C-alpha atoms as a PDB file:
ATOM      1  CA  ALA A   1      -0.134  -0.106  -0.230  1.00  0.00           C
ATOM      2  CA  VAL A   2       1.351   3.464  -0.734  1.00  0.00           C
ATOM      3  CA  VAL A   3       1.224   4.456   3.125  1.00  0.00           C
ATOM      4  CA  GLY A   4       2.707   1.403   4.080  1.00  0.00           C
ATOM      5  CA  VAL A   5      -0.245   0.252   5.237  1.00  0.00           C
ATOM      6  CA  ARG A   6      -0.057  -3.823   5.604  1.00  0.00           C
ATOM      7  CA  THR A   7      -2.961  -5.129   7.946  1.00  0.00           C
ATOM      8  CA  VAL A   8      -6.560  -3.244   8.526  1.00  0.00           C
ATOM      9  CA  GLU A   9      -8.041  -4.264  11.505  1.00  0.00           C
ATOM     10  CA  PHE A  10     -11.757  -3.570  12.539  1.00  0.00           C
ATOM     11  CA  LEU A  11     -12.774  -3.349  16.054  1.00  0.00           C
ATOM     12  CA  ASP A  12     -15.842  -4.750  17.972  1.00  0.00           C
ATOM     13  CA  HIS A  13     -18.626  -1.259  17.316  1.00  0.00           C
ATOM     14  CA  ARG A  14     -21.543  -1.082  15.532  1.00  0.00           C
ATOM     15  CA  ASP A  15     -21.979   1.849  12.712  1.00  0.00           C
ATOM     16  CA  GLY A  16     -23.977   4.404  13.818  1.00  0.00           C
ATOM     17  CA  VAL A  17     -23.769   3.240  17.262  1.00  0.00           C
ATOM     18  CA  ILE A  18     -20.338   4.500  18.603  1.00  0.00           C
ATOM     19  CA  GLU A  19     -19.695   6.351  21.940  1.00  0.00           C
ATOM     20  CA  TYR A  20     -16.671   7.797  23.067  1.00  0.00           C
ATOM     21  CA  GLY A  21     -16.183   6.052  26.536  1.00  0.00           C
ATOM     22  CA  THR A  22     -13.158   4.044  28.374  1.00  0.00           C
ATOM     23  CA  GLY A  23     -14.321   1.230  26.122  1.00  0.00           C
ATOM     24  CA  LEU A  24     -13.321   1.970  22.889  1.00  0.00           C
ATOM     25  CA  ARG A  25     -10.643   4.140  24.150  1.00  0.00           C
ATOM     26  CA  ARG A  26      -9.692   0.434  25.524  1.00  0.00           C
ATOM     27  CA  ASP A  27      -9.942  -1.079  22.222  1.00  0.00           C
ATOM     28  CA  ILE A  28      -8.018   1.672  20.007  1.00  0.00           C
ATOM     29  CA  ALA A  29      -5.195   1.290  22.702  1.00  0.00           C
ATOM     30  CA  ALA A  30      -4.789  -2.186  22.430  1.00  0.00           C
ATOM     31  CA  ALA A  31      -5.050  -2.298  18.648  1.00  0.00           C
ATOM     32  CA  ILE A  32      -2.385   0.393  18.834  1.00  0.00           C
ATOM     33  CA  ARG A  33       0.083  -1.800  21.028  1.00  0.00           C
ATOM     34  CA  ARG A  34      -0.393  -4.925  19.264  1.00  0.00           C
ATOM     35  CA  HIS A  35       0.478  -3.433  16.276  1.00  0.00           C
ATOM     36  CA  ARG A  36       3.167  -0.706  17.011  1.00  0.00           C
ATOM     37  CA  PRO A  37       2.631   2.090  14.411  1.00  0.00           C
ATOM     38  CA  GLU A  38       5.017   4.643  13.012  1.00  0.00           C
ATOM     39  CA  LEU A  39       2.014   6.609  12.667  1.00  0.00           C
ATOM     40  CA  VAL A  40      -1.031   7.146  13.638  1.00  0.00           C
ATOM     41  CA  VAL A  41      -4.276   8.515  11.691  1.00  0.00           C
ATOM     42  CA  THR A  42      -7.005   8.854  12.783  1.00  0.00           C
ATOM     43  CA  LEU A  43     -10.956  10.318  11.671  1.00  0.00           C
ATOM     44  CA  ASN A  44     -12.087  14.487  11.856  1.00  0.00           C
ATOM     45  CA  HIS A  45     -12.754  14.456  15.740  1.00  0.00           C
ATOM     46  CA  ARG A  46     -14.389  18.128  15.198  1.00  0.00           C
ATOM     47  CA  ASP A  47     -17.579  18.885  15.224  1.00  0.00           C
ATOM     48  CA  THR A  48     -17.564  20.912  11.913  1.00  0.00           C
ATOM     49  CA  TRP A  49     -16.002  19.882   8.674  1.00  0.00           C
ATOM     50  CA  GLY A  50     -14.520  23.410   8.307  1.00  0.00           C
ATOM     51  CA  GLY A  51     -17.221  25.039  10.251  1.00  0.00           C
ATOM     52  CA  VAL A  52     -19.569  24.800   7.699  1.00  0.00           C
ATOM     53  CA  ALA A  53     -21.439  21.093   8.034  1.00  0.00           C
ATOM     54  CA  TRP A  54     -21.180  18.646  10.743  1.00  0.00           C
ATOM     55  CA  ASN A  55     -19.296  16.451  11.203  1.00  0.00           C
ATOM     56  CA  THR A  56     -21.093  12.114  12.076  1.00  0.00           C
ATOM     57  CA  PRO A  57     -20.830  11.471  15.762  1.00  0.00           C
ATOM     58  CA  ASP A  58     -18.967   8.563  15.361  1.00  0.00           C
ATOM     59  CA  HIS A  59     -16.671  10.319  13.147  1.00  0.00           C
ATOM     60  CA  ARG A  60     -15.928  12.342  16.417  1.00  0.00           C
ATOM     61  CA  ALA A  61     -16.311   9.912  18.857  1.00  0.00           C
ATOM     62  CA  VAL A  62     -13.407   7.793  17.164  1.00  0.00           C
ATOM     63  CA  GLY A  63     -11.122  10.176  16.194  1.00  0.00           C
ATOM     64  CA  ARG A  64     -11.182  11.888  19.985  1.00  0.00           C
ATOM     65  CA  ALA A  65     -11.055   8.083  21.122  1.00  0.00           C
ATOM     66  CA  THR A  66      -7.947   7.667  18.745  1.00  0.00           C
ATOM     67  CA  LEU A  67      -6.405  11.087  19.846  1.00  0.00           C
ATOM     68  CA  ASP A  68      -6.218   9.878  24.055  1.00  0.00           C
ATOM     69  CA  ALA A  69      -5.682   5.940  23.450  1.00  0.00           C
ATOM     70  CA  VAL A  70      -2.367   6.711  21.812  1.00  0.00           C
ATOM     71  CA  ALA A  71      -1.263   8.304  25.275  1.00  0.00           C
ATOM     72  CA  ASP A  72      -3.016   5.679  27.096  1.00  0.00           C
ATOM     73  CA  ALA A  73      -1.288   3.120  24.813  1.00  0.00           C
ATOM     74  CA  GLY A  74       2.001   4.096  25.692  1.00  0.00           C
ATOM     75  CA  ASN A  75       0.684   4.352  29.310  1.00  0.00           C
ATOM     76  CA  ARG A  76       2.012   1.008  30.464  1.00  0.00           C
ATOM     77  CA  TRP A  77      -0.430   1.719  33.842  1.00  0.00           C
ATOM     78  CA  ILE A  78      -3.390   1.209  31.697  1.00  0.00           C
END
């Protein structure tokens, strides 16, 4: 792949009903620990797209959880 992706992993969170929380953060952090990526790319975590159109709740939740999970993955106490 152009960006070096070899594996795509889908977590067990249903589309359309994803909510930010410790479970989502835990699952994303665990995936980061398993795959040990050099770079983590996530969805737009902001409320809007350029201040014009609302972003979807799923994208906001996953984006925000991913930002936190990157730090969580490096914390051996979590």
